């Protein structure tokens, strides 16, 4: 079950299961649209759109049907990040969603490095790998992170 809450600028917040929580805009299906085309234009996947919009048959959408698509918010990728900025959807409250890059798809939140942290410890604590953290955060030397550095880690 999901709840749709209207927020500013024509956007809505969907609250339901962890994997669909986020900020969305409404999209009206036009003649010639397919779920695949809409997904590609909005930086997401057919499967994700089907889940958010409770679509059982991904090959069947109607003209003028209103769908929720992930809201596009400007995101400036970190220098050196291996994740292209067009694959990142910035959500609210320090969270992002990465789509279309299979090895790092998912929701992430900000984490501030504290004294004693290592990338290995952070990876273990957040249920991911050093490699994923390095890719998402543009870290070239996995043995070098700084206290107070802000990292994106998988959202719990």
C-alpha atoms as a PDB file:
ATOM      1  CA  UNK A   1       0.000   0.000   0.000  1.00  0.00           C
ATOM      2  CA  UNK A   2       1.335   3.422  -0.871  1.00  0.00           C
ATOM      3  CA  UNK A   3       0.414   6.940   0.192  1.00  0.00           C
ATOM      4  CA  UNK A   4       0.739   9.845  -2.238  1.00  0.00           C
ATOM      5  CA  UNK A   5       1.364  13.233  -0.628  1.00  0.00           C
ATOM      6  CA  UNK A   6       1.307  16.438  -2.727  1.00  0.00           C
ATOM      7  CA  UNK A   7       4.342  18.676  -2.220  1.00  0.00           C
ATOM      8  CA  UNK A   8       5.591  21.851  -3.942  1.00  0.00           C
ATOM      9  CA  UNK A   9       6.116  22.463  -7.668  1.00  0.00           C
ATOM     10  CA  UNK A  10       3.688  19.781  -8.890  1.00  0.00           C
ATOM     11  CA  UNK A  11       5.698  17.021  -7.262  1.00  0.00           C
ATOM     12  CA  UNK A  12       4.404  14.276  -5.000  1.00  0.00           C
ATOM     13  CA  UNK A  13       6.038  12.175  -2.320  1.00  0.00           C
ATOM     14  CA  UNK A  14       5.210   8.489  -2.374  1.00  0.00           C
ATOM     15  CA  UNK A  15       5.511   6.669   0.917  1.00  0.00           C
ATOM     16  CA  UNK A  16       5.089   2.929   0.857  1.00  0.00           C
ATOM     17  CA  UNK A  17       7.678   0.224   0.654  1.00  0.00           C
ATOM     18  CA  UNK A  18      11.316   1.315   1.077  1.00  0.00           C
ATOM     19  CA  UNK A  19      12.170   0.689  -2.576  1.00  0.00           C
ATOM     20  CA  UNK A  20       9.549   3.137  -3.917  1.00  0.00           C
ATOM     21  CA  UNK A  21       9.713   5.882  -1.279  1.00  0.00           C
ATOM     22  CA  UNK A  22      10.667   9.126  -2.982  1.00  0.00           C
ATOM     23  CA  UNK A  23       9.687  12.223  -4.911  1.00  0.00           C
ATOM     24  CA  UNK A  24       7.797  11.898  -8.191  1.00  0.00           C
ATOM     25  CA  UNK A  25       6.115  13.984 -10.852  1.00  0.00           C
ATOM     26  CA  UNK A  26       3.017  13.102 -12.814  1.00  0.00           C
ATOM     27  CA  UNK A  27       3.429  12.055 -16.447  1.00  0.00           C
ATOM     28  CA  UNK A  28       0.487  11.747 -18.844  1.00  0.00           C
ATOM     29  CA  UNK A  29       0.889   8.973 -21.408  1.00  0.00           C
ATOM     30  CA  UNK A  30       0.877  10.268 -24.993  1.00  0.00           C
ATOM     31  CA  UNK A  31       0.116   8.437 -28.219  1.00  0.00           C
ATOM     32  CA  UNK A  32       3.111   6.273 -29.158  1.00  0.00           C
ATOM     33  CA  UNK A  33       4.452   6.039 -25.613  1.00  0.00           C
ATOM     34  CA  UNK A  34       5.590   2.730 -24.192  1.00  0.00           C
ATOM     35  CA  UNK A  35       6.605   2.041 -20.625  1.00  0.00           C
ATOM     36  CA  UNK A  36      10.119   1.395 -21.930  1.00  0.00           C
ATOM     37  CA  UNK A  37      10.295   4.777 -23.652  1.00  0.00           C
ATOM     38  CA  UNK A  38       8.922   6.583 -20.578  1.00  0.00           C
ATOM     39  CA  UNK A  39      11.373   4.731 -18.313  1.00  0.00           C
ATOM     40  CA  UNK A  40      14.343   5.643 -20.514  1.00  0.00           C
ATOM     41  CA  UNK A  41      13.321   9.308 -20.724  1.00  0.00           C
ATOM     42  CA  UNK A  42      12.984   9.466 -16.960  1.00  0.00           C
ATOM     43  CA  UNK A  43      16.152   7.622 -15.978  1.00  0.00           C
ATOM     44  CA  UNK A  44      14.502   4.561 -14.523  1.00  0.00           C
ATOM     45  CA  UNK A  45      13.440   1.041 -15.461  1.00  0.00           C
ATOM     46  CA  UNK A  46      10.221  -0.503 -16.739  1.00  0.00           C
ATOM     47  CA  UNK A  47      10.116  -2.720 -13.658  1.00  0.00           C
ATOM     48  CA  UNK A  48      10.415   0.248 -11.310  1.00  0.00           C
ATOM     49  CA  UNK A  49       7.667   2.229 -13.099  1.00  0.00           C
ATOM     50  CA  UNK A  50       5.411  -0.830 -13.067  1.00  0.00           C
ATOM     51  CA  UNK A  51       5.913  -1.239  -9.325  1.00  0.00           C
ATOM     52  CA  UNK A  52       5.358   2.430  -8.471  1.00  0.00           C
ATOM     53  CA  UNK A  53       2.272   2.659 -10.687  1.00  0.00           C
ATOM     54  CA  UNK A  54       0.930  -0.813  -9.838  1.00  0.00           C
ATOM     55  CA  UNK A  55       0.940  -1.886 -13.487  1.00  0.00           C
ATOM     56  CA  UNK A  56       0.455  -5.629 -13.934  1.00  0.00           C
ATOM     57  CA  UNK A  57       0.972  -5.805 -17.723  1.00  0.00           C
ATOM     58  CA  UNK A  58       3.975  -3.673 -18.758  1.00  0.00           C
ATOM     59  CA  UNK A  59       2.880  -3.916 -22.398  1.00  0.00           C
ATOM     60  CA  UNK A  60      -0.460  -2.246 -21.696  1.00  0.00           C
ATOM     61  CA  UNK A  61      -0.702   1.454 -20.899  1.00  0.00           C
ATOM     62  CA  UNK A  62      -3.365   3.858 -22.151  1.00  0.00           C
ATOM     63  CA  UNK A  63      -3.175   7.285 -23.773  1.00  0.00           C
ATOM     64  CA  UNK A  64      -3.959   9.930 -21.113  1.00  0.00           C
ATOM     65  CA  UNK A  65      -3.128   7.481 -18.305  1.00  0.00           C
ATOM     66  CA  UNK A  66      -1.329   9.371 -15.519  1.00  0.00           C
ATOM     67  CA  UNK A  67       1.855   7.748 -14.229  1.00  0.00           C
ATOM     68  CA  UNK A  68       4.206   8.695 -11.435  1.00  0.00           C
ATOM     69  CA  UNK A  69       7.811   9.033 -12.633  1.00  0.00           C
ATOM     70  CA  UNK A  70      10.871   9.868 -10.496  1.00  0.00           C
ATOM     71  CA  UNK A  71      11.248  13.630 -10.114  1.00  0.00           C
ATOM     72  CA  UNK A  72      14.277  15.050 -11.829  1.00  0.00           C
ATOM     73  CA  UNK A  73      16.292  17.302  -9.574  1.00  0.00           C
ATOM     74  CA  UNK A  74      19.622  18.744 -10.584  1.00  0.00           C
ATOM     75  CA  UNK A  75      22.481  16.679  -9.220  1.00  0.00           C
ATOM     76  CA  UNK A  76      26.120  17.492  -9.648  1.00  0.00           C
ATOM     77  CA  UNK A  77      28.137  14.281  -9.675  1.00  0.00           C
ATOM     78  CA  UNK A  78      31.198  14.268  -7.478  1.00  0.00           C
ATOM     79  CA  UNK A  79      34.480  14.804  -9.281  1.00  0.00           C
ATOM     80  CA  UNK A  80      35.788  11.433 -10.378  1.00  0.00           C
ATOM     81  CA  UNK A  81      32.508   9.629  -9.734  1.00  0.00           C
ATOM     82  CA  UNK A  82      31.977   6.681 -12.053  1.00  0.00           C
ATOM     83  CA  UNK A  83      28.196   7.202 -11.898  1.00  0.00           C
ATOM     84  CA  UNK A  84      26.955   9.543 -14.649  1.00  0.00           C
ATOM     85  CA  UNK A  85      24.879  12.455 -13.336  1.00  0.00           C
ATOM     86  CA  UNK A  86      21.976  11.495 -15.616  1.00  0.00           C
ATOM     87  CA  UNK A  87      21.680   8.193 -13.721  1.00  0.00           C
ATOM     88  CA  UNK A  88      21.208   9.931 -10.356  1.00  0.00           C
ATOM     89  CA  UNK A  89      17.899  11.250  -9.082  1.00  0.00           C
ATOM     90  CA  UNK A  90      18.288  13.526  -6.094  1.00  0.00           C
ATOM     91  CA  UNK A  91      15.581  12.961  -3.518  1.00  0.00           C
ATOM     92  CA  UNK A  92      15.024  14.958  -0.353  1.00  0.00           C
ATOM     93  CA  UNK A  93      16.799  14.831   2.987  1.00  0.00           C
ATOM     94  CA  UNK A  94      20.257  13.900   1.638  1.00  0.00           C
ATOM     95  CA  UNK A  95      19.048  10.868  -0.300  1.00  0.00           C
ATOM     96  CA  UNK A  96      19.612   9.895  -3.921  1.00  0.00           C
ATOM     97  CA  UNK A  97      18.443   7.074  -6.179  1.00  0.00           C
ATOM     98  CA  UNK A  98      20.801   5.638  -8.790  1.00  0.00           C
ATOM     99  CA  UNK A  99      19.138   3.977 -11.775  1.00  0.00           C
ATOM    100  CA  UNK A 100      20.329   2.374 -14.970  1.00  0.00           C
ATOM    101  CA  UNK A 101      23.744   1.303 -13.713  1.00  0.00           C
ATOM    102  CA  UNK A 102      23.038  -2.265 -12.717  1.00  0.00           C
ATOM    103  CA  UNK A 103      25.896  -2.710 -10.250  1.00  0.00           C
ATOM    104  CA  UNK A 104      24.920   0.325  -8.149  1.00  0.00           C
ATOM    105  CA  UNK A 105      21.134   0.695  -8.695  1.00  0.00           C
ATOM    106  CA  UNK A 106      19.320   1.662  -5.530  1.00  0.00           C
ATOM    107  CA  UNK A 107      18.634   4.249  -2.888  1.00  0.00           C
ATOM    108  CA  UNK A 108      21.503   5.949  -1.066  1.00  0.00           C
ATOM    109  CA  UNK A 109      21.760   8.386   1.816  1.00  0.00           C
ATOM    110  CA  UNK A 110      24.471  10.671   3.110  1.00  0.00           C
ATOM    111  CA  UNK A 111      26.914   9.400   5.703  1.00  0.00           C
ATOM    112  CA  UNK A 112      29.523  11.581   7.416  1.00  0.00           C
ATOM    113  CA  UNK A 113      32.863   9.857   8.031  1.00  0.00           C
ATOM    114  CA  UNK A 114      33.964   9.812  11.685  1.00  0.00           C
ATOM    115  CA  UNK A 115      37.343   9.129  13.267  1.00  0.00           C
ATOM    116  CA  UNK A 116      38.217   5.437  13.013  1.00  0.00           C
ATOM    117  CA  UNK A 117      36.101   4.787   9.919  1.00  0.00           C
ATOM    118  CA  UNK A 118      37.508   2.908   6.957  1.00  0.00           C
ATOM    119  CA  UNK A 119      35.747   2.272   3.685  1.00  0.00           C
ATOM    120  CA  UNK A 120      35.738  -1.433   4.592  1.00  0.00           C
ATOM    121  CA  UNK A 121      34.045  -0.780   7.950  1.00  0.00           C
ATOM    122  CA  UNK A 122      31.459   1.536   6.372  1.00  0.00           C
ATOM    123  CA  UNK A 123      30.763  -1.022   3.631  1.00  0.00           C
ATOM    124  CA  UNK A 124      30.259  -3.786   6.187  1.00  0.00           C
ATOM    125  CA  UNK A 125      28.014  -1.605   8.377  1.00  0.00           C
ATOM    126  CA  UNK A 126      25.853  -0.581   5.411  1.00  0.00           C
ATOM    127  CA  UNK A 127      25.634  -3.976   3.713  1.00  0.00           C
ATOM    128  CA  UNK A 128      27.587  -3.151   0.581  1.00  0.00           C
ATOM    129  CA  UNK A 129      31.112  -3.479  -0.792  1.00  0.00           C
ATOM    130  CA  UNK A 130      34.116  -1.203  -0.868  1.00  0.00           C
ATOM    131  CA  UNK A 131      33.933  -1.297  -4.679  1.00  0.00           C
ATOM    132  CA  UNK A 132      30.346   0.022  -4.742  1.00  0.00           C
ATOM    133  CA  UNK A 133      31.143   2.790  -2.251  1.00  0.00           C
ATOM    134  CA  UNK A 134      34.206   3.796  -4.265  1.00  0.00           C
ATOM    135  CA  UNK A 135      32.223   3.908  -7.526  1.00  0.00           C
ATOM    136  CA  UNK A 136      29.263   5.834  -6.134  1.00  0.00           C
ATOM    137  CA  UNK A 137      31.480   8.353  -4.337  1.00  0.00           C
ATOM    138  CA  UNK A 138      34.243   8.762  -6.915  1.00  0.00           C
ATOM    139  CA  UNK A 139      36.945   7.447  -4.587  1.00  0.00           C
ATOM    140  CA  UNK A 140      40.142   6.455  -6.382  1.00  0.00           C
ATOM    141  CA  UNK A 141      42.185   5.390  -3.357  1.00  0.00           C
ATOM    142  CA  UNK A 142      40.003   3.148  -1.161  1.00  0.00           C
ATOM    143  CA  UNK A 143      42.505   3.467   1.678  1.00  0.00           C
ATOM    144  CA  UNK A 144      42.079   7.234   1.883  1.00  0.00           C
ATOM    145  CA  UNK A 145      38.941   8.856   3.296  1.00  0.00           C
ATOM    146  CA  UNK A 146      38.747  11.922   5.538  1.00  0.00           C
ATOM    147  CA  UNK A 147      36.924  12.648   8.790  1.00  0.00           C
ATOM    148  CA  UNK A 148      33.795  14.742   8.000  1.00  0.00           C
ATOM    149  CA  UNK A 149      33.836  13.579   4.365  1.00  0.00           C
ATOM    150  CA  UNK A 150      30.264  13.035   3.148  1.00  0.00           C
ATOM    151  CA  UNK A 151      29.680   9.714   1.397  1.00  0.00           C
ATOM    152  CA  UNK A 152      26.618   8.177  -0.195  1.00  0.00           C
ATOM    153  CA  UNK A 153      25.883   4.772   1.360  1.00  0.00           C
ATOM    154  CA  UNK A 154      22.993   2.378   0.640  1.00  0.00           C
ATOM    155  CA  UNK A 155      19.818   3.570   2.329  1.00  0.00           C
ATOM    156  CA  UNK A 156      18.511   1.284   5.047  1.00  0.00           C
END
